[in-house]
């Protein structure tokens, strides 16, 4: 009994020491912070009452104007909430070498699809970024735009059928799912060279597998939170985040496409063609050694991982942007009319093309304002890889600390964007843009680790919007939520009940 009591005492002492050392960190550093709660840090209500953007908002409001950064805890993970836009610039660009990594989980050995550009670190990330940057050049994206325009025709056909079916329901159409099926078909074609037919069949395999990432995670929220905040330990424990059937599906899709194209000599100037040009001639030699060595080219698994992240990131972000944009245009008919007028004046009855999109300056402002008000990723996270002294302060961000840039909260700061809930594309007229701090608008991040697919994402969203606005008018219906009810459990900005609008043919 005495031994048991002694063990309990030691266990309690160690647990208390860990708790005390962890949660008094910011106090010891003299950094303003919000006091954390045991185990959950500052995450009380996360996933039930609040999303992370709501937690960030509370801390942002509390410390804005008082300090360049504030301390917080993502469960046990010490995190610096970066408030000052000048410091954001230092972290993302000038002193990027201190904050190169995202600190996001990857386990290439056991979960090969996690070895993609979004999660890779250090030299592995640099090598992969260097390999893939030419794939996303303006010229390459222009070549892929023809595929997107073709899928845009299928989008209008699908919308036409939805409008016919919706006549019995006041013309109400759920927009988000239709936009997601459009971007699924676009990226399925560009990244895998496959006809996904999601617009014809909402239950197509590609659509189902893509949605699985957000609707059928491998683990419970508690385990996901552990992996998210203990990435290196989770990797050592050989944990996975992706369901095995999802991994098998995407691996097979890439393998089959690559083999077919190599045998047949078929070329489509799409993403998978670009990856084939980077492939390793000798798969066995490229697989040897520790970590990722790209000097011999991309292995099949590495090609699959890049295709996978292109698919997952591209279909969700662009479809959400399209849906939120149509929602705002339904609420602001004058803006919708102005966009449509510009579209018709530029196209003059001709087909959409990459070059004509570039002439639609008001559409660019509308999309920019959509991304300002509805940034799909609410925050940017970087991990400090070498201790960093914050300029003009005595504060040191130590190695292993996460730096969190609260994009959503900056985009809704009334001191930067007056009346932030109002949808106003004129905020992105050149004069207005030049009057603001350049780091007060970050829907794609910035610096060397910004979103590599930014041009492609905006291109496909614009083609989808132009295709729809030429043939349909969008208005509020009986089911339209004003304001929208957002999903607190989603890692991206997402509505709880979809986006319902009244749609009429023009």
Protein backbone atom coordinates (compact mmCIF):
# COMPACT_ATOMS: atom_id res chain seq x y z
CA UNK A 1 0.00 0.00 0.00
CA UNK A 2 2.82 2.39 0.84
CA UNK A 3 4.45 1.62 -2.52
CA UNK A 4 1.19 2.36 -4.35
CA UNK A 5 0.77 5.63 -2.47
CA UNK A 6 4.36 6.57 -3.24
CA UNK A 7 3.86 5.84 -6.94
CA UNK A 8 0.65 7.87 -6.95
CA UNK A 9 2.48 10.72 -5.24
CA UNK A 10 5.32 10.66 -7.78
CA UNK A 11 2.82 10.48 -10.65
CA UNK A 12 0.88 13.43 -9.25
CA UNK A 13 4.08 15.43 -8.73
CA UNK A 14 5.29 14.76 -12.28
CA UNK A 15 1.89 15.61 -13.73
CA UNK A 16 1.71 18.83 -11.73
CA UNK A 17 5.29 19.77 -12.70
CA UNK A 18 4.49 19.19 -16.37
CA UNK A 19 1.30 21.23 -16.09
CA UNK A 20 2.99 24.05 -14.18
CA UNK A 21 6.05 24.24 -16.47
CA UNK A 22 3.86 24.14 -19.58
CA UNK A 23 1.16 26.61 -18.67
CA UNK A 24 3.34 29.20 -16.89
CA UNK A 25 5.59 29.48 -19.96
CA UNK A 26 4.31 32.85 -21.23
CA UNK A 27 4.21 34.31 -17.71
CA UNK A 28 7.87 33.39 -17.21
CA UNK A 29 8.69 35.01 -20.55
CA UNK A 30 6.85 38.22 -19.65
CA UNK A 31 4.59 37.96 -22.68
CA UNK A 32 0.93 39.05 -22.36
CA UNK A 33 -1.25 35.94 -22.54
CA UNK A 34 -4.69 34.55 -21.85
CA UNK A 35 -4.57 32.19 -18.82
CA UNK A 36 -5.07 28.58 -19.98
CA UNK A 37 -7.18 25.80 -18.51
CA UNK A 38 -5.73 22.37 -17.59
CA UNK A 39 -5.34 19.97 -20.53
CA UNK A 40 -7.25 22.11 -23.06
CA UNK A 41 -5.20 25.32 -22.81
CA UNK A 42 -7.24 28.13 -24.42
CA UNK A 43 -9.36 25.73 -26.49
CA UNK A 44 -12.48 25.66 -24.27
CA UNK A 45 -15.54 25.01 -26.44
CA UNK A 46 -13.50 24.17 -29.56
CA UNK A 47 -15.53 22.04 -31.95
CA UNK A 48 -18.76 22.49 -30.00
CA UNK A 49 -19.46 26.14 -29.38
CA UNK A 50 -16.42 27.64 -31.11
CA UNK A 51 -14.14 27.22 -34.12
CA UNK A 52 -10.44 28.10 -33.77
CA UNK A 53 -11.14 31.44 -35.51
CA UNK A 54 -13.52 32.29 -32.63
CA UNK A 55 -10.87 31.47 -30.04
CA UNK A 56 -8.37 33.58 -31.98
CA UNK A 57 -10.90 36.44 -32.16
CA UNK A 58 -11.26 36.57 -28.39
CA UNK A 59 -7.50 36.77 -27.85
CA UNK A 60 -6.98 39.13 -30.80
CA UNK A 61 -9.57 41.57 -29.41
CA UNK A 62 -8.07 41.40 -25.94
CA UNK A 63 -4.50 42.24 -26.94
CA UNK A 64 -4.71 44.18 -30.22
CA UNK A 65 -2.86 47.50 -30.00
CA UNK A 66 -1.16 46.47 -26.75
CA UNK A 67 1.48 44.00 -27.90
CA UNK A 68 2.85 42.68 -31.21
CA UNK A 69 2.02 39.12 -30.11
CA UNK A 70 0.06 37.36 -27.38
CA UNK A 71 0.64 34.00 -25.74
CA UNK A 72 -1.88 31.17 -25.96
CA UNK A 73 -1.98 27.37 -25.84
CA UNK A 74 -3.39 24.98 -28.43
CA UNK A 75 -4.00 22.30 -25.78
CA UNK A 76 -0.38 21.79 -24.58
CA UNK A 77 1.24 23.48 -27.58
CA UNK A 78 2.65 26.93 -26.77
CA UNK A 79 1.59 29.34 -29.49
CA UNK A 80 2.28 33.00 -30.24
CA UNK A 81 -0.74 34.79 -31.75
CA UNK A 82 0.84 37.35 -34.09
CA UNK A 83 -1.09 40.64 -34.07
CA UNK A 84 1.20 43.30 -35.55
CA UNK A 85 1.20 43.27 -39.41
CA UNK A 86 4.83 44.40 -39.43
CA UNK A 87 5.77 41.33 -37.41
CA UNK A 88 3.70 39.17 -39.77
CA UNK A 89 5.83 40.51 -42.63
CA UNK A 90 9.04 39.68 -40.76
CA UNK A 91 7.88 36.11 -40.06
CA UNK A 92 6.57 35.33 -43.54
CA UNK A 93 9.27 37.05 -45.60
CA UNK A 94 12.27 38.84 -44.06
CA UNK A 95 12.99 36.27 -41.32
CA UNK A 96 11.33 33.35 -43.06
CA UNK A 97 14.31 31.07 -42.36
CA UNK A 98 13.27 31.10 -38.68
CA UNK A 99 9.72 30.04 -39.56
CA UNK A 100 10.08 27.84 -42.63
CA UNK A 101 8.00 24.89 -41.41
CA UNK A 102 4.30 24.58 -40.68
CA UNK A 103 4.68 21.98 -37.95
CA UNK A 104 1.94 19.93 -39.62
CA UNK A 105 1.88 16.14 -39.25
CA UNK A 106 3.44 13.99 -41.94
CA UNK A 107 4.49 10.36 -41.85
CA UNK A 108 5.78 9.40 -45.29
CA UNK A 109 6.78 5.91 -44.16
CA UNK A 110 3.36 4.75 -42.95
CA UNK A 111 1.01 7.34 -44.45
CA UNK A 112 2.60 8.12 -47.84
CA UNK A 113 -0.02 10.61 -49.04
CA UNK A 114 0.94 12.93 -46.16
CA UNK A 115 4.36 13.53 -47.79
CA UNK A 116 3.20 16.49 -49.83
CA UNK A 117 4.22 20.11 -50.24
CA UNK A 118 1.85 21.34 -47.52
CA UNK A 119 3.44 19.23 -44.76
CA UNK A 120 7.05 18.65 -45.77
CA UNK A 121 9.76 20.45 -43.82
CA UNK A 122 13.32 21.69 -44.17
CA UNK A 123 15.32 20.64 -47.21
CA UNK A 124 12.64 18.15 -48.28
CA UNK A 125 10.13 21.02 -48.58
CA UNK A 126 12.64 23.25 -50.40
CA UNK A 127 13.43 20.53 -52.93
CA UNK A 128 9.77 19.72 -53.56
CA UNK A 129 8.81 23.39 -53.86
CA UNK A 130 11.61 23.94 -56.36
CA UNK A 131 10.44 20.94 -58.40
CA UNK A 132 6.77 21.98 -58.43
CA UNK A 133 7.03 25.77 -58.88
CA UNK A 134 7.30 25.57 -62.71
CA UNK A 135 4.19 23.35 -62.76
CA UNK A 136 2.12 26.29 -61.48
CA UNK A 137 3.51 28.97 -63.76
CA UNK A 138 1.10 31.24 -65.67
CA UNK A 139 1.92 29.42 -68.90
CA UNK A 140 1.14 25.97 -67.47
CA UNK A 141 -2.10 27.19 -65.89
CA UNK A 142 -3.15 28.77 -69.18
CA UNK A 143 -2.65 25.38 -70.82
CA UNK A 144 -4.90 23.76 -68.21
CA UNK A 145 -7.61 26.43 -68.46
CA UNK A 146 -9.17 24.77 -71.51
CA UNK A 147 -10.01 21.70 -69.42
CA UNK A 148 -11.63 23.96 -66.80
CA UNK A 149 -13.74 25.78 -69.42
CA UNK A 150 -15.01 22.41 -70.68
CA UNK A 151 -16.01 21.35 -67.16
CA UNK A 152 -17.67 24.79 -66.80
CA UNK A 153 -20.07 23.76 -69.60
CA UNK A 154 -20.98 20.64 -67.62
CA UNK A 155 -21.52 22.88 -64.58
CA UNK A 156 -24.13 25.00 -66.35
CA UNK A 157 -25.87 21.85 -67.60
CA UNK A 158 -25.98 20.49 -64.05
CA UNK A 159 -27.29 23.80 -62.74
CA UNK A 160 -29.96 23.80 -65.45
CA UNK A 161 -31.16 20.39 -64.23
CA UNK A 162 -31.09 21.57 -60.62
CA UNK A 163 -33.19 24.62 -61.51
CA UNK A 164 -35.77 22.40 -63.22
CA UNK A 165 -35.89 20.11 -60.19
CA UNK A 166 -36.12 23.08 -57.81
CA UNK A 167 -39.28 24.58 -59.36
CA UNK A 168 -41.39 22.74 -56.80
CA UNK A 169 -39.27 24.27 -54.02
CA UNK A 170 -39.35 27.98 -54.87
CA UNK A 171 -36.35 27.56 -57.17
CA UNK A 172 -34.11 26.73 -54.21
CA UNK A 173 -30.75 25.09 -55.03
CA UNK A 174 -28.02 24.01 -52.62
CA UNK A 175 -25.04 25.79 -54.14
CA UNK A 176 -22.08 24.48 -52.13
CA UNK A 177 -22.42 20.86 -53.21
CA UNK A 178 -22.79 21.79 -56.88
CA UNK A 179 -19.65 23.97 -56.70
CA UNK A 180 -17.76 21.14 -54.99
CA UNK A 181 -18.78 18.73 -57.73
CA UNK A 182 -17.50 21.22 -60.33
CA UNK A 183 -14.08 21.60 -58.68
CA UNK A 184 -13.91 17.83 -58.10
CA UNK A 185 -14.33 17.26 -61.84
CA UNK A 186 -11.82 20.01 -62.69
CA UNK A 187 -9.08 18.73 -60.42
CA UNK A 188 -9.87 15.08 -61.02
CA UNK A 189 -9.24 15.80 -64.69
CA UNK A 190 -6.18 18.05 -64.23
CA UNK A 191 -4.51 16.09 -61.40
CA UNK A 192 -5.46 12.54 -62.37
CA UNK A 193 -6.44 12.77 -66.01
CA UNK A 194 -9.76 11.11 -65.20
CA UNK A 195 -13.35 11.96 -66.01
CA UNK A 196 -14.93 12.01 -62.55
CA UNK A 197 -18.53 12.72 -63.66
CA UNK A 198 -19.36 14.29 -60.28
CA UNK A 199 -21.60 16.87 -61.96
CA UNK A 200 -23.62 14.07 -63.54
CA UNK A 201 -23.54 11.81 -60.49
CA UNK A 202 -23.31 13.40 -57.00
CA UNK A 203 -22.32 9.99 -55.61
CA UNK A 204 -19.41 9.40 -57.99
CA UNK A 205 -16.40 7.72 -56.44
CA UNK A 206 -14.09 10.74 -56.71
CA UNK A 207 -16.66 13.01 -55.06
CA UNK A 208 -17.23 10.48 -52.28
CA UNK A 209 -13.52 9.98 -51.65
CA UNK A 210 -12.82 13.70 -51.70
CA UNK A 211 -15.57 14.42 -49.20
CA UNK A 212 -14.28 11.61 -46.96
CA UNK A 213 -11.39 13.80 -45.85
CA UNK A 214 -13.86 16.14 -44.17
CA UNK A 215 -16.74 13.78 -43.28
CA UNK A 216 -15.03 10.50 -42.32
CA UNK A 217 -11.74 11.18 -40.54
CA UNK A 218 -9.65 8.22 -39.42
CA UNK A 219 -9.72 9.26 -35.76
CA UNK A 220 -11.95 10.92 -33.18
CA UNK A 221 -11.53 14.66 -32.55
CA UNK A 222 -9.53 13.88 -29.39
CA UNK A 223 -6.99 11.75 -31.27
CA UNK A 224 -6.87 14.28 -34.10
CA UNK A 225 -6.13 17.01 -31.54
CA UNK A 226 -3.29 14.88 -30.12
CA UNK A 227 -1.75 14.38 -33.59
CA UNK A 228 -2.20 18.08 -34.45
CA UNK A 229 -0.43 19.28 -31.30
CA UNK A 230 2.16 16.49 -31.02
CA UNK A 231 3.17 15.96 -34.63
CA UNK A 232 6.68 14.61 -34.02
CA UNK A 233 5.58 12.21 -31.28
CA UNK A 234 2.69 11.00 -33.45
CA UNK A 235 5.17 10.32 -36.24
CA UNK A 236 7.44 8.37 -33.90
CA UNK A 237 4.41 6.33 -32.83
CA UNK A 238 3.84 5.62 -36.54
CA UNK A 239 0.34 7.02 -36.44
CA UNK A 240 -1.70 7.72 -39.58
CA UNK A 241 -4.30 10.39 -40.33
CA UNK A 242 -5.77 9.15 -43.61
CA UNK A 243 -8.18 6.20 -43.91
CA UNK A 244 -6.53 3.25 -45.67
CA UNK A 245 -9.21 2.98 -48.36
CA UNK A 246 -8.69 6.67 -49.20
CA UNK A 247 -4.93 6.11 -49.55
CA UNK A 248 -5.42 3.00 -51.68
CA UNK A 249 -7.87 4.78 -53.98
CA UNK A 250 -5.62 7.76 -54.73
CA UNK A 251 -2.48 5.64 -55.05
CA UNK A 252 -4.22 3.39 -57.59
CA UNK A 253 -5.63 6.38 -59.51
CA UNK A 254 -2.18 7.92 -59.99
CA UNK A 255 -0.47 4.60 -60.73
CA UNK A 256 -3.02 3.66 -63.40
CA UNK A 257 -2.94 7.09 -65.05
CA UNK A 258 0.87 7.25 -65.13
CA UNK A 259 1.18 3.74 -66.55
CA UNK A 260 -1.45 4.44 -69.21
CA UNK A 261 0.17 7.67 -70.35
CA UNK A 262 3.65 6.20 -70.48
CA UNK A 263 2.43 3.28 -72.58
CA UNK A 264 0.11 5.23 -74.88
CA UNK A 265 2.11 8.46 -75.18
CA UNK A 266 -1.05 10.49 -74.45
CA UNK A 267 -0.39 14.10 -73.37
CA UNK A 268 -2.96 16.56 -71.99
CA UNK A 269 -0.75 19.39 -70.66
CA UNK A 270 -2.29 18.92 -67.22
CA UNK A 271 -0.85 18.52 -63.72
CA UNK A 272 -0.22 14.79 -64.04
CA UNK A 273 1.75 15.39 -67.26
CA UNK A 274 3.97 17.83 -65.39
CA UNK A 275 4.57 15.26 -62.63
CA UNK A 276 5.42 12.57 -65.20
CA UNK A 277 8.15 14.87 -66.53
CA UNK A 278 9.59 14.95 -62.98
CA UNK A 279 9.29 11.21 -62.32
CA UNK A 280 12.25 9.05 -61.37
CA UNK A 281 13.54 6.78 -64.13
CA UNK A 282 14.65 4.27 -61.52
CA UNK A 283 11.98 3.94 -58.80
CA UNK A 284 14.12 1.63 -56.66
CA UNK A 285 17.12 3.98 -56.65
CA UNK A 286 14.90 6.99 -55.84
CA UNK A 287 13.38 5.12 -52.89
CA UNK A 288 16.72 4.36 -51.27
CA UNK A 289 18.06 6.39 -48.40
CA UNK A 290 16.51 8.16 -45.46
CA UNK A 291 13.86 10.82 -46.03
CA UNK A 292 12.96 12.29 -49.42
CA UNK A 293 15.73 12.64 -51.99
CA UNK A 294 14.43 14.32 -55.14
CA UNK A 295 17.76 14.34 -56.96
CA UNK A 296 16.70 11.22 -58.88
CA UNK A 297 13.16 12.46 -59.54
CA UNK A 298 9.75 11.82 -57.99
CA UNK A 299 8.71 8.32 -56.96
CA UNK A 300 5.19 7.10 -57.64
CA UNK A 301 4.25 7.65 -53.98
CA UNK A 302 5.56 11.22 -54.10
CA UNK A 303 3.63 11.88 -57.31
CA UNK A 304 0.49 10.50 -55.66
CA UNK A 305 1.01 12.69 -52.58
CA UNK A 306 1.32 15.88 -54.65
CA UNK A 307 -1.73 14.94 -56.72
CA UNK A 308 -3.64 14.18 -53.53
CA UNK A 309 -2.97 17.56 -51.90
CA UNK A 310 -3.69 19.35 -55.18
CA UNK A 311 -7.04 17.57 -55.24
CA UNK A 312 -8.01 18.02 -51.59
CA UNK A 313 -6.81 21.63 -51.29
CA UNK A 314 -8.09 22.67 -54.70
CA UNK A 315 -11.59 21.25 -54.68
CA UNK A 316 -12.52 22.45 -51.19
CA UNK A 317 -11.03 25.95 -51.22
CA UNK A 318 -12.20 26.95 -54.70
CA UNK A 319 -15.68 25.48 -54.30
CA UNK A 320 -16.15 27.29 -50.99
CA UNK A 321 -14.98 30.56 -52.54
CA UNK A 322 -17.45 30.14 -55.42
CA UNK A 323 -20.33 29.32 -53.08
CA UNK A 324 -19.64 32.22 -50.69
CA UNK A 325 -19.27 34.55 -53.67
CA UNK A 326 -22.65 33.55 -55.14
CA UNK A 327 -24.21 33.95 -51.69
CA UNK A 328 -22.89 37.52 -51.42
CA UNK A 329 -24.03 38.32 -54.97
CA UNK A 330 -27.52 37.03 -54.12
CA UNK A 331 -27.62 39.44 -51.18
CA UNK A 332 -26.22 42.31 -53.28
CA UNK A 333 -28.09 42.37 -56.57
CA UNK A 334 -26.48 45.60 -57.74
CA UNK A 335 -23.02 44.03 -57.46
CA UNK A 336 -24.26 40.89 -59.24
CA UNK A 337 -25.60 43.04 -62.11
CA UNK A 338 -22.30 44.90 -62.38
CA UNK A 339 -20.29 41.66 -62.54
CA UNK A 340 -22.60 40.21 -65.17
CA UNK A 341 -22.39 43.41 -67.21
CA UNK A 342 -18.59 43.24 -67.17
CA UNK A 343 -18.62 39.56 -68.17
CA UNK A 344 -20.83 40.20 -71.18
CA UNK A 345 -18.91 43.29 -72.29
CA UNK A 346 -15.59 41.44 -72.17
CA UNK A 347 -16.77 38.20 -73.78
CA UNK A 348 -19.10 39.76 -76.36
CA UNK A 349 -20.83 36.43 -76.87
CA UNK A 350 -17.55 34.47 -77.19
CA UNK A 351 -16.30 31.55 -75.07
CA UNK A 352 -14.43 32.09 -71.81
CA UNK A 353 -10.63 31.94 -72.04
CA UNK A 354 -7.63 32.51 -69.79
CA UNK A 355 -6.93 35.82 -71.52
CA UNK A 356 -10.50 37.16 -71.26
CA UNK A 357 -10.57 36.34 -67.53
CA UNK A 358 -7.59 38.67 -67.06
CA UNK A 359 -9.65 41.57 -68.44
CA UNK A 360 -12.44 41.15 -65.86
CA UNK A 361 -11.13 43.57 -63.24
CA UNK A 362 -14.38 43.94 -61.32
CA UNK A 363 -14.73 40.16 -61.07
CA UNK A 364 -11.22 40.12 -59.57
CA UNK A 365 -12.37 42.66 -56.95
CA UNK A 366 -15.46 40.60 -56.18
CA UNK A 367 -13.42 37.42 -55.70
CA UNK A 368 -10.87 39.33 -53.58
CA UNK A 369 -13.64 40.68 -51.33
CA UNK A 370 -15.11 37.18 -51.04
CA UNK A 371 -11.74 35.89 -49.86
CA UNK A 372 -11.45 38.85 -47.49
CA UNK A 373 -14.80 38.22 -45.84
CA UNK A 374 -14.74 34.44 -46.15
CA UNK A 375 -11.10 33.24 -46.04
CA UNK A 376 -11.29 29.47 -46.34
CA UNK A 377 -8.31 28.96 -44.03
CA UNK A 378 -8.82 31.05 -40.93
CA UNK A 379 -5.20 31.11 -39.81
CA UNK A 380 -1.64 30.57 -40.99
CA UNK A 381 0.57 28.51 -38.69
CA UNK A 382 4.36 28.41 -38.76
CA UNK A 383 6.75 26.69 -36.35
CA UNK A 384 9.84 28.47 -35.08
CA UNK A 385 12.87 26.33 -35.98
CA UNK A 386 15.49 28.58 -34.34
CA UNK A 387 14.98 31.07 -31.54
CA UNK A 388 13.89 34.48 -32.81
CA UNK A 389 14.10 37.86 -31.12
CA UNK A 390 11.07 39.97 -32.01
CA UNK A 391 12.31 43.28 -33.47
CA UNK A 392 12.14 46.32 -31.16
CA UNK A 393 11.19 44.17 -28.14
CA UNK A 394 12.84 41.94 -25.54
CA UNK A 395 10.56 39.04 -26.52
CA UNK A 396 12.16 35.86 -27.85
CA UNK A 397 10.06 33.28 -29.68
CA UNK A 398 11.84 30.06 -28.80
CA UNK A 399 12.45 27.08 -31.05
CA UNK A 400 9.43 24.74 -31.14
CA UNK A 401 6.89 27.53 -30.55
CA UNK A 402 4.06 27.86 -33.06
CA UNK A 403 3.40 31.28 -34.61
CA UNK A 404 -0.28 31.68 -35.47
CA UNK A 405 -1.36 34.47 -37.85
CA UNK A 406 -5.14 35.03 -37.39
CA UNK A 407 -6.13 35.71 -41.01
CA UNK A 408 -9.90 35.69 -40.43
CA UNK A 409 -9.64 38.12 -37.54
CA UNK A 410 -7.36 40.52 -39.41
CA UNK A 411 -9.76 40.44 -42.39
CA UNK A 412 -12.62 41.39 -40.03
CA UNK A 413 -10.77 44.12 -38.13
CA UNK A 414 -12.92 47.27 -38.35
CA UNK A 415 -9.83 49.47 -38.03
CA UNK A 416 -8.49 47.95 -41.27
CA UNK A 417 -11.76 47.23 -43.10
CA UNK A 418 -14.52 49.61 -41.89
CA UNK A 419 -17.89 47.85 -41.47
CA UNK A 420 -16.18 44.49 -42.07
CA UNK A 421 -19.39 42.45 -42.44
CA UNK A 422 -20.46 44.56 -45.43
CA UNK A 423 -19.60 43.03 -48.80
CA UNK A 424 -17.84 45.80 -50.71
CA UNK A 425 -15.62 44.98 -53.74
CA UNK A 426 -14.50 48.64 -53.93
CA UNK A 427 -12.16 47.82 -51.04
CA UNK A 428 -9.93 46.28 -53.72
CA UNK A 429 -9.69 49.25 -56.01
CA UNK A 430 -6.01 50.11 -56.44
CA UNK A 431 -6.16 53.27 -54.32
CA UNK A 432 -7.82 51.41 -51.44
CA UNK A 433 -5.36 48.52 -51.60
CA UNK A 434 -2.37 50.89 -51.54
CA UNK A 435 -3.76 52.67 -48.46
CA UNK A 436 -3.68 49.48 -46.36
CA UNK A 437 -0.82 47.54 -44.86
CA UNK A 438 0.08 44.86 -47.45
CA UNK A 439 -0.05 42.18 -44.75
CA UNK A 440 -3.64 42.91 -43.77
CA UNK A 441 -4.87 40.65 -46.60
CA UNK A 442 -3.61 37.06 -46.52
CA UNK A 443 -6.07 34.56 -48.06
CA UNK A 444 -3.17 32.69 -49.70
CA UNK A 445 -0.46 33.46 -47.17
CA UNK A 446 2.66 35.24 -48.38
CA UNK A 447 6.38 34.75 -48.80
CA UNK A 448 8.28 31.66 -49.95
CA UNK A 449 5.67 29.33 -48.41
CA UNK A 450 2.55 30.97 -49.81
CA UNK A 451 -0.09 28.88 -51.61
CA UNK A 452 1.61 27.49 -54.71
CA UNK A 453 -1.77 26.83 -56.35
CA UNK A 454 -3.12 30.37 -55.89
CA UNK A 455 -3.30 31.16 -59.62
CA UNK A 456 -4.94 27.84 -60.46
CA UNK A 457 -7.47 28.14 -57.63
CA UNK A 458 -8.54 31.64 -58.64
CA UNK A 459 -8.68 30.64 -62.31
CA UNK A 460 -11.01 27.70 -61.76
CA UNK A 461 -13.24 29.67 -59.36
CA UNK A 462 -13.56 32.53 -61.84
CA UNK A 463 -14.35 30.22 -64.76
CA UNK A 464 -17.04 28.54 -62.66
CA UNK A 465 -18.53 31.88 -61.62
CA UNK A 466 -18.51 33.31 -65.15
CA UNK A 467 -20.11 30.14 -66.53
CA UNK A 468 -22.95 30.39 -64.01
CA UNK A 469 -23.50 34.15 -64.04
CA UNK A 470 -23.91 34.22 -67.82
CA UNK A 471 -26.90 31.91 -67.67
CA UNK A 472 -28.42 32.25 -64.20
CA UNK A 473 -29.52 34.87 -61.69
CA UNK A 474 -29.02 34.21 -57.98
CA UNK A 475 -31.29 35.49 -55.23
CA UNK A 476 -32.24 34.59 -51.66
CA UNK A 477 -34.78 31.82 -51.12
CA UNK A 478 -36.89 30.76 -48.16
CA UNK A 479 -34.03 28.50 -47.04
CA UNK A 480 -31.25 31.10 -47.33
CA UNK A 481 -29.60 31.74 -43.97
CA UNK A 482 -28.81 35.36 -43.17
CA UNK A 483 -26.31 35.27 -41.59
CA UNK A 484 -24.92 31.86 -42.47
CA UNK A 485 -24.56 29.30 -39.68
CA UNK A 486 -20.93 28.13 -39.74
CA UNK A 487 -19.70 24.67 -38.79
CA UNK A 488 -17.58 24.83 -35.63
CA UNK A 489 -16.05 21.38 -36.28
CA UNK A 490 -14.67 22.05 -39.76
CA UNK A 491 -10.94 22.90 -40.15
CA UNK A 492 -11.89 25.15 -43.09
CA UNK A 493 -14.57 27.84 -43.28
CA UNK A 494 -17.70 25.83 -43.93
CA UNK A 495 -21.44 26.24 -43.41
CA UNK A 496 -23.37 23.83 -41.25
CA UNK A 497 -26.36 23.46 -43.59
CA UNK A 498 -24.90 24.27 -47.00
CA UNK A 499 -25.74 27.44 -48.94
CA UNK A 500 -29.26 27.64 -50.34
CA UNK A 501 -30.16 30.19 -53.03
CA UNK A 502 -32.98 30.84 -55.44
CA UNK A 503 -31.71 30.30 -58.99
CA UNK A 504 -33.46 31.46 -62.14
CA UNK A 505 -32.48 31.13 -65.79
CA UNK A 506 -31.67 34.34 -67.62
